[in-house]
Amino acid sequence: MKSLQNYRTEKGYTQAYMAKKLGVSIAAYNLYENGGRKIPRKAAFKIMEILEIENIEEIFLPSSFTLSENTK
């Protein structure tokens, strides 16, 4: 799974650019990217739009999260 930073740098965008598009400070965006702050739902969907990410699970599932079948 790629990180938010990977998607951003592949597009050639800076943290300052992303922060401006989201209407947040660069420090706030940095915290989003580094896991220091939860990303609000509206911002998550805006990030997906800016970075052209189609599937939310590609980026916003925790790295320790795994999908498994219920074993009841």
PDB file of N, CA and C in Angstrom:
ATOM      1  N   MET A   1       0.849  -1.180   0.000  1.00  0.00           N
ATOM      2  CA  MET A   1       0.000   0.000   0.000  1.00  0.00           C
ATOM      3  C   MET A   1       0.896   1.245   0.000  1.00  0.00           C
ATOM      4  N   LYS A   2       0.623   2.160  -0.896  1.00  0.00           N
ATOM      5  CA  LYS A   2       1.384   3.401  -0.962  1.00  0.00           C
ATOM      6  C   LYS A   2       0.948   4.334   0.158  1.00  0.00           C
ATOM      7  N   SER A   3       1.866   5.180   0.553  1.00  0.00           N
ATOM      8  CA  SER A   3       1.532   6.182   1.558  1.00  0.00           C
ATOM      9  C   SER A   3       0.999   7.437   0.874  1.00  0.00           C
ATOM     10  N   LEU A   4       0.385   8.266   1.669  1.00  0.00           N
ATOM     11  CA  LEU A   4      -0.114   9.545   1.172  1.00  0.00           C
ATOM     12  C   LEU A   4       1.038  10.341   0.563  1.00  0.00           C
ATOM     13  N   GLN A   5       2.190  10.303   1.211  1.00  0.00           N
ATOM     14  CA  GLN A   5       3.360  11.008   0.692  1.00  0.00           C
ATOM     15  C   GLN A   5       3.765  10.460  -0.680  1.00  0.00           C
ATOM     16  N   ASN A   6       3.731   9.143  -0.858  1.00  0.00           N
ATOM     17  CA  ASN A   6       4.071   8.550  -2.161  1.00  0.00           C
ATOM     18  C   ASN A   6       3.151   9.068  -3.259  1.00  0.00           C
ATOM     19  N   TYR A   7       1.852   9.059  -2.994  1.00  0.00           N
ATOM     20  CA  TYR A   7       0.896   9.551  -3.987  1.00  0.00           C
ATOM     21  C   TYR A   7       1.164  11.019  -4.312  1.00  0.00           C
ATOM     22  N   ARG A   8       1.425  11.806  -3.280  1.00  0.00           N
ATOM     23  CA  ARG A   8       1.653  13.246  -3.479  1.00  0.00           C
ATOM     24  C   ARG A   8       2.916  13.494  -4.300  1.00  0.00           C
ATOM     25  N   THR A   9       4.007  12.832  -3.936  1.00  0.00           N
ATOM     26  CA  THR A   9       5.261  13.081  -4.645  1.00  0.00           C
ATOM     27  C   THR A   9       5.222  12.553  -6.079  1.00  0.00           C
ATOM     28  N   GLU A  10       4.492  11.467  -6.315  1.00  0.00           N
ATOM     29  CA  GLU A  10       4.338  10.967  -7.688  1.00  0.00           C
ATOM     30  C   GLU A  10       3.661  11.999  -8.590  1.00  0.00           C
ATOM     31  N   LYS A  11       2.774  12.795  -8.007  1.00  0.00           N
ATOM     32  CA  LYS A  11       2.096  13.851  -8.768  1.00  0.00           C
ATOM     33  C   LYS A  11       2.950  15.115  -8.878  1.00  0.00           C
ATOM     34  N   GLY A  12       4.044  15.163  -8.113  1.00  0.00           N
ATOM     35  CA  GLY A  12       4.903  16.343  -8.127  1.00  0.00           C
ATOM     36  C   GLY A  12       4.380  17.478  -7.274  1.00  0.00           C
ATOM     37  N   TYR A  13       3.497  17.174  -6.339  1.00  0.00           N
ATOM     38  CA  TYR A  13       2.895  18.196  -5.487  1.00  0.00           C
ATOM     39  C   TYR A  13       3.687  18.344  -4.192  1.00  0.00           C
ATOM     40  N   THR A  14       3.732  19.565  -3.694  1.00  0.00           N
ATOM     41  CA  THR A  14       4.364  19.830  -2.403  1.00  0.00           C
ATOM     42  C   THR A  14       3.313  19.772  -1.296  1.00  0.00           C
ATOM     43  N   GLN A  15       3.795  19.702  -0.064  1.00  0.00           N
ATOM     44  CA  GLN A  15       2.865  19.771   1.064  1.00  0.00           C
ATOM     45  C   GLN A  15       2.168  21.127   1.072  1.00  0.00           C
ATOM     46  N   ALA A  16       2.875  22.168   0.686  1.00  0.00           N
ATOM     47  CA  ALA A  16       2.272  23.508   0.644  1.00  0.00           C
ATOM     48  C   ALA A  16       1.118  23.547  -0.358  1.00  0.00           C
ATOM     49  N   TYR A  17       1.296  22.913  -1.510  1.00  0.00           N
ATOM     50  CA  TYR A  17       0.238  22.865  -2.522  1.00  0.00           C
ATOM     51  C   TYR A  17      -0.983  22.130  -1.977  1.00  0.00           C
ATOM     52  N   MET A  18      -0.748  20.977  -1.374  1.00  0.00           N
ATOM     53  CA  MET A  18      -1.857  20.188  -0.835  1.00  0.00           C
ATOM     54  C   MET A  18      -2.581  20.956   0.263  1.00  0.00           C
ATOM     55  N   ALA A  19      -1.818  21.587   1.144  1.00  0.00           N
ATOM     56  CA  ALA A  19      -2.420  22.354   2.236  1.00  0.00           C
ATOM     57  C   ALA A  19      -3.308  23.469   1.685  1.00  0.00           C
ATOM     58  N   LYS A  20      -2.816  24.162   0.671  1.00  0.00           N
ATOM     59  CA  LYS A  20      -3.597  25.253   0.072  1.00  0.00           C
ATOM     60  C   LYS A  20      -4.888  24.723  -0.542  1.00  0.00           C
ATOM     61  N   LYS A  21      -4.809  23.613  -1.281  1.00  0.00           N
ATOM     62  CA  LYS A  21      -5.998  23.028  -1.912  1.00  0.00           C
ATOM     63  C   LYS A  21      -7.021  22.572  -0.869  1.00  0.00           C
ATOM     64  N   LEU A  22      -6.532  22.132   0.295  1.00  0.00           N
ATOM     65  CA  LEU A  22      -7.425  21.651   1.351  1.00  0.00           C
ATOM     66  C   LEU A  22      -7.887  22.769   2.283  1.00  0.00           C
ATOM     67  N   GLY A  23      -7.240  23.925   2.201  1.00  0.00           N
ATOM     68  CA  GLY A  23      -7.601  25.032   3.080  1.00  0.00           C
ATOM     69  C   GLY A  23      -7.120  24.838   4.506  1.00  0.00           C
ATOM     70  N   VAL A  24      -5.964  24.176   4.647  1.00  0.00           N
ATOM     71  CA  VAL A  24      -5.379  23.964   5.974  1.00  0.00           C
ATOM     72  C   VAL A  24      -3.946  24.486   5.963  1.00  0.00           C
ATOM     73  N   SER A  25      -3.354  24.591   7.138  1.00  0.00           N
ATOM     74  CA  SER A  25      -1.958  25.016   7.211  1.00  0.00           C
ATOM     75  C   SER A  25      -1.044  23.887   6.730  1.00  0.00           C
ATOM     76  N   ILE A  26       0.172  24.257   6.372  1.00  0.00           N
ATOM     77  CA  ILE A  26       1.153  23.247   5.967  1.00  0.00           C
ATOM     78  C   ILE A  26       1.416  22.301   7.132  1.00  0.00           C
ATOM     79  N   ALA A  27       1.471  22.841   8.342  1.00  0.00           N
ATOM     80  CA  ALA A  27       1.702  22.005   9.525  1.00  0.00           C
ATOM     81  C   ALA A  27       0.582  20.982   9.700  1.00  0.00           C
ATOM     82  N   ALA A  28      -0.652  21.408   9.484  1.00  0.00           N
ATOM     83  CA  ALA A  28      -1.791  20.485   9.605  1.00  0.00           C
ATOM     84  C   ALA A  28      -1.703  19.400   8.544  1.00  0.00           C
ATOM     85  N   TYR A  29      -1.389  19.781   7.312  1.00  0.00           N
ATOM     86  CA  TYR A  29      -1.266  18.772   6.254  1.00  0.00           C
ATOM     87  C   TYR A  29      -0.140  17.799   6.570  1.00  0.00           C
ATOM     88  N   ASN A  30       0.973  18.320   7.072  1.00  0.00           N
ATOM     89  CA  ASN A  30       2.093  17.457   7.448  1.00  0.00           C
ATOM     90  C   ASN A  30       1.656  16.429   8.481  1.00  0.00           C
ATOM     91  N   LEU A  31       0.851  16.846   9.432  1.00  0.00           N
ATOM     92  CA  LEU A  31       0.339  15.908  10.440  1.00  0.00           C
ATOM     93  C   LEU A  31      -0.576  14.867   9.808  1.00  0.00           C
ATOM     94  N   TYR A  32      -1.384  15.260   8.846  1.00  0.00           N
ATOM     95  CA  TYR A  32      -2.219  14.287   8.127  1.00  0.00           C
ATOM     96  C   TYR A  32      -1.335  13.230   7.476  1.00  0.00           C
ATOM     97  N   GLU A  33      -0.313  13.710   6.779  1.00  0.00           N
ATOM     98  CA  GLU A  33       0.544  12.823   5.999  1.00  0.00           C
ATOM     99  C   GLU A  33       1.366  11.890   6.881  1.00  0.00           C
ATOM    100  N   ASN A  34       1.721  12.348   8.057  1.00  0.00           N
ATOM    101  CA  ASN A  34       2.578  11.557   8.940  1.00  0.00           C
ATOM    102  C   ASN A  34       1.817  10.853  10.055  1.00  0.00           C
ATOM    103  N   GLY A  35       0.499  10.899   9.998  1.00  0.00           N
ATOM    104  CA  GLY A  35      -0.311  10.182  10.973  1.00  0.00           C
ATOM    105  C   GLY A  35      -0.443  10.856  12.324  1.00  0.00           C
ATOM    106  N   GLY A  36      -0.052  12.117  12.414  1.00  0.00           N
ATOM    107  CA  GLY A  36      -0.126  12.832  13.678  1.00  0.00           C
ATOM    108  C   GLY A  36      -1.491  13.434  13.965  1.00  0.00           C
ATOM    109  N   ARG A  37      -2.345  13.431  12.970  1.00  0.00           N
ATOM    110  CA  ARG A  37      -3.696  13.980  13.119  1.00  0.00           C
ATOM    111  C   ARG A  37      -4.638  13.185  12.225  1.00  0.00           C
ATOM    112  N   LYS A  38      -5.822  12.892  12.748  1.00  0.00           N
ATOM    113  CA  LYS A  38      -6.825  12.206  11.934  1.00  0.00           C
ATOM    114  C   LYS A  38      -7.295  13.134  10.821  1.00  0.00           C
ATOM    115  N   ILE A  39      -7.515  12.545   9.662  1.00  0.00           N
ATOM    116  CA  ILE A  39      -7.965  13.329   8.513  1.00  0.00           C
ATOM    117  C   ILE A  39      -9.490  13.353   8.507  1.00  0.00           C
ATOM    118  N   PRO A  40     -10.082  14.544   8.572  1.00  0.00           N
ATOM    119  CA  PRO A  40     -11.544  14.626   8.515  1.00  0.00           C
ATOM    120  C   PRO A  40     -12.071  14.025   7.203  1.00  0.00           C
ATOM    121  N   ARG A  41     -13.264  13.488   7.260  1.00  0.00           N
ATOM    122  CA  ARG A  41     -13.858  12.817   6.094  1.00  0.00           C
ATOM    123  C   ARG A  41     -13.845  13.707   4.848  1.00  0.00           C
ATOM    124  N   LYS A  42     -14.273  14.951   5.008  1.00  0.00           N
ATOM    125  CA  LYS A  42     -14.323  15.867   3.860  1.00  0.00           C
ATOM    126  C   LYS A  42     -12.931  16.050   3.251  1.00  0.00           C
ATOM    127  N   ALA A  43     -11.928  16.199   4.103  1.00  0.00           N
ATOM    128  CA  ALA A  43     -10.555  16.361   3.619  1.00  0.00           C
ATOM    129  C   ALA A  43     -10.060  15.088   2.943  1.00  0.00           C
ATOM    130  N   ALA A  44     -10.433  13.931   3.474  1.00  0.00           N
ATOM    131  CA  ALA A  44     -10.016  12.656   2.877  1.00  0.00           C
ATOM    132  C   ALA A  44     -10.530  12.541   1.449  1.00  0.00           C
ATOM    133  N   PHE A  45     -11.790  12.884   1.239  1.00  0.00           N
ATOM    134  CA  PHE A  45     -12.348  12.804  -0.107  1.00  0.00           C
ATOM    135  C   PHE A  45     -11.731  13.851  -1.035  1.00  0.00           C
ATOM    136  N   LYS A  46     -11.400  15.021  -0.502  1.00  0.00           N
ATOM    137  CA  LYS A  46     -10.733  16.053  -1.304  1.00  0.00           C
ATOM    138  C   LYS A  46      -9.329  15.584  -1.690  1.00  0.00           C
ATOM    139  N   ILE A  47      -8.622  14.952  -0.758  1.00  0.00           N
ATOM    140  CA  ILE A  47      -7.290  14.414  -1.050  1.00  0.00           C
ATOM    141  C   ILE A  47      -7.382  13.375  -2.165  1.00  0.00           C
ATOM    142  N   MET A  48      -8.373  12.499  -2.070  1.00  0.00           N
ATOM    143  CA  MET A  48      -8.561  11.487  -3.112  1.00  0.00           C
ATOM    144  C   MET A  48      -8.792  12.143  -4.471  1.00  0.00           C
ATOM    145  N   GLU A  49      -9.569  13.209  -4.488  1.00  0.00           N
ATOM    146  CA  GLU A  49      -9.854  13.918  -5.740  1.00  0.00           C
ATOM    147  C   GLU A  49      -8.586  14.558  -6.307  1.00  0.00           C
ATOM    148  N   ILE A  50      -7.843  15.254  -5.460  1.00  0.00           N
ATOM    149  CA  ILE A  50      -6.628  15.947  -5.900  1.00  0.00           C
ATOM    150  C   ILE A  50      -5.595  14.957  -6.436  1.00  0.00           C
ATOM    151  N   LEU A  51      -5.419  13.842  -5.716  1.00  0.00           N
ATOM    152  CA  LEU A  51      -4.390  12.866  -6.083  1.00  0.00           C
ATOM    153  C   LEU A  51      -4.892  11.791  -7.042  1.00  0.00           C
ATOM    154  N   GLU A  52      -6.159  11.909  -7.438  1.00  0.00           N
ATOM    155  CA  GLU A  52      -6.779  10.964  -8.373  1.00  0.00           C
ATOM    156  C   GLU A  52      -6.705   9.522  -7.866  1.00  0.00           C
ATOM    157  N   ILE A  53      -7.093   9.344  -6.617  1.00  0.00           N
ATOM    158  CA  ILE A  53      -7.151   8.023  -5.997  1.00  0.00           C
ATOM    159  C   ILE A  53      -8.599   7.562  -6.070  1.00  0.00           C
ATOM    160  N   GLU A  54      -8.827   6.407  -6.664  1.00  0.00           N
ATOM    161  CA  GLU A  54     -10.194   5.933  -6.872  1.00  0.00           C
ATOM    162  C   GLU A  54     -10.753   5.142  -5.698  1.00  0.00           C
ATOM    163  N   ASN A  55      -9.924   4.418  -4.999  1.00  0.00           N
ATOM    164  CA  ASN A  55     -10.391   3.524  -3.946  1.00  0.00           C
ATOM    165  C   ASN A  55      -9.854   3.990  -2.596  1.00  0.00           C
ATOM    166  N   ILE A  56     -10.742   4.348  -1.693  1.00  0.00           N
ATOM    167  CA  ILE A  56     -10.326   4.890  -0.394  1.00  0.00           C
ATOM    168  C   ILE A  56      -9.429   3.929   0.383  1.00  0.00           C
ATOM    169  N   GLU A  57      -9.639   2.626   0.200  1.00  0.00           N
ATOM    170  CA  GLU A  57      -8.835   1.646   0.917  1.00  0.00           C
ATOM    171  C   GLU A  57      -7.373   1.667   0.491  1.00  0.00           C
ATOM    172  N   GLU A  58      -7.089   2.194  -0.704  1.00  0.00           N
ATOM    173  CA  GLU A  58      -5.711   2.254  -1.182  1.00  0.00           C
ATOM    174  C   GLU A  58      -4.821   3.056  -0.255  1.00  0.00           C
ATOM    175  N   ILE A  59      -5.402   3.994   0.444  1.00  0.00           N
ATOM    176  CA  ILE A  59      -4.572   4.915   1.201  1.00  0.00           C
ATOM    177  C   ILE A  59      -4.992   5.124   2.644  1.00  0.00           C
ATOM    178  N   PHE A  60      -6.265   4.979   2.942  1.00  0.00           N
ATOM    179  CA  PHE A  60      -6.730   5.363   4.263  1.00  0.00           C
ATOM    180  C   PHE A  60      -6.976   4.219   5.235  1.00  0.00           C
ATOM    181  N   LEU A  61      -6.695   2.980   4.858  1.00  0.00           N
ATOM    182  CA  LEU A  61      -6.765   1.893   5.833  1.00  0.00           C
ATOM    183  C   LEU A  61      -5.445   1.852   6.586  1.00  0.00           C
ATOM    184  N   PRO A  62      -5.472   1.605   7.886  1.00  0.00           N
ATOM    185  CA  PRO A  62      -4.216   1.485   8.627  1.00  0.00           C
ATOM    186  C   PRO A  62      -3.385   0.341   8.055  1.00  0.00           C
ATOM    187  N   SER A  63      -2.074   0.493   8.089  1.00  0.00           N
ATOM    188  CA  SER A  63      -1.207  -0.533   7.518  1.00  0.00           C
ATOM    189  C   SER A  63      -1.334  -1.860   8.252  1.00  0.00           C
ATOM    190  N   SER A  64      -1.759  -1.840   9.506  1.00  0.00           N
ATOM    191  CA  SER A  64      -1.910  -3.082  10.262  1.00  0.00           C
ATOM    192  C   SER A  64      -3.270  -3.737  10.028  1.00  0.00           C
ATOM    193  N   PHE A  65      -4.146  -3.061   9.294  1.00  0.00           N
ATOM    194  CA  PHE A  65      -5.490  -3.566   9.038  1.00  0.00           C
ATOM    195  C   PHE A  65      -5.438  -4.629   7.955  1.00  0.00           C
ATOM    196  N   THR A  66      -6.076  -5.758   8.219  1.00  0.00           N
ATOM    197  CA  THR A  66      -6.173  -6.789   7.192  1.00  0.00           C
ATOM    198  C   THR A  66      -7.618  -7.208   7.061  1.00  0.00           C
ATOM    199  N   LEU A  67      -8.012  -7.518   5.865  1.00  0.00           N
ATOM    200  CA  LEU A  67      -9.361  -7.998   5.623  1.00  0.00           C
ATOM    201  C   LEU A  67      -9.369  -9.505   5.810  1.00  0.00           C
ATOM    202  N   SER A  68     -10.313 -10.000   6.573  1.00  0.00           N
ATOM    203  CA  SER A  68     -10.412 -11.444   6.756  1.00  0.00           C
ATOM    204  C   SER A  68     -11.871 -11.823   6.877  1.00  0.00           C
ATOM    205  N   GLU A  69     -12.142 -13.090   6.649  1.00  0.00           N
ATOM    206  CA  GLU A  69     -13.506 -13.574   6.775  1.00  0.00           C
ATOM    207  C   GLU A  69     -13.830 -13.782   8.245  1.00  0.00           C
ATOM    208  N   ASN A  70     -15.101 -13.615   8.566  1.00  0.00           N
ATOM    209  CA  ASN A  70     -15.561 -13.870   9.924  1.00  0.00           C
ATOM    210  C   ASN A  70     -15.492 -15.372  10.171  1.00  0.00           C
ATOM    211  N   THR A  71     -14.900 -15.772  11.283  1.00  0.00           N
ATOM    212  CA  THR A  71     -14.702 -17.203  11.543  1.00  0.00           C
ATOM    213  C   THR A  71     -15.634 -17.734  12.617  1.00  0.00           C
ATOM    214  N   LYS A  72     -16.826 -17.198  12.728  1.00  0.00           N
ATOM    215  CA  LYS A  72     -17.798 -17.670  13.724  1.00  0.00           C
ATOM    216  C   LYS A  72     -18.253 -19.064  13.417  1.00  0.00           C
TER     217      LYS A  72
END
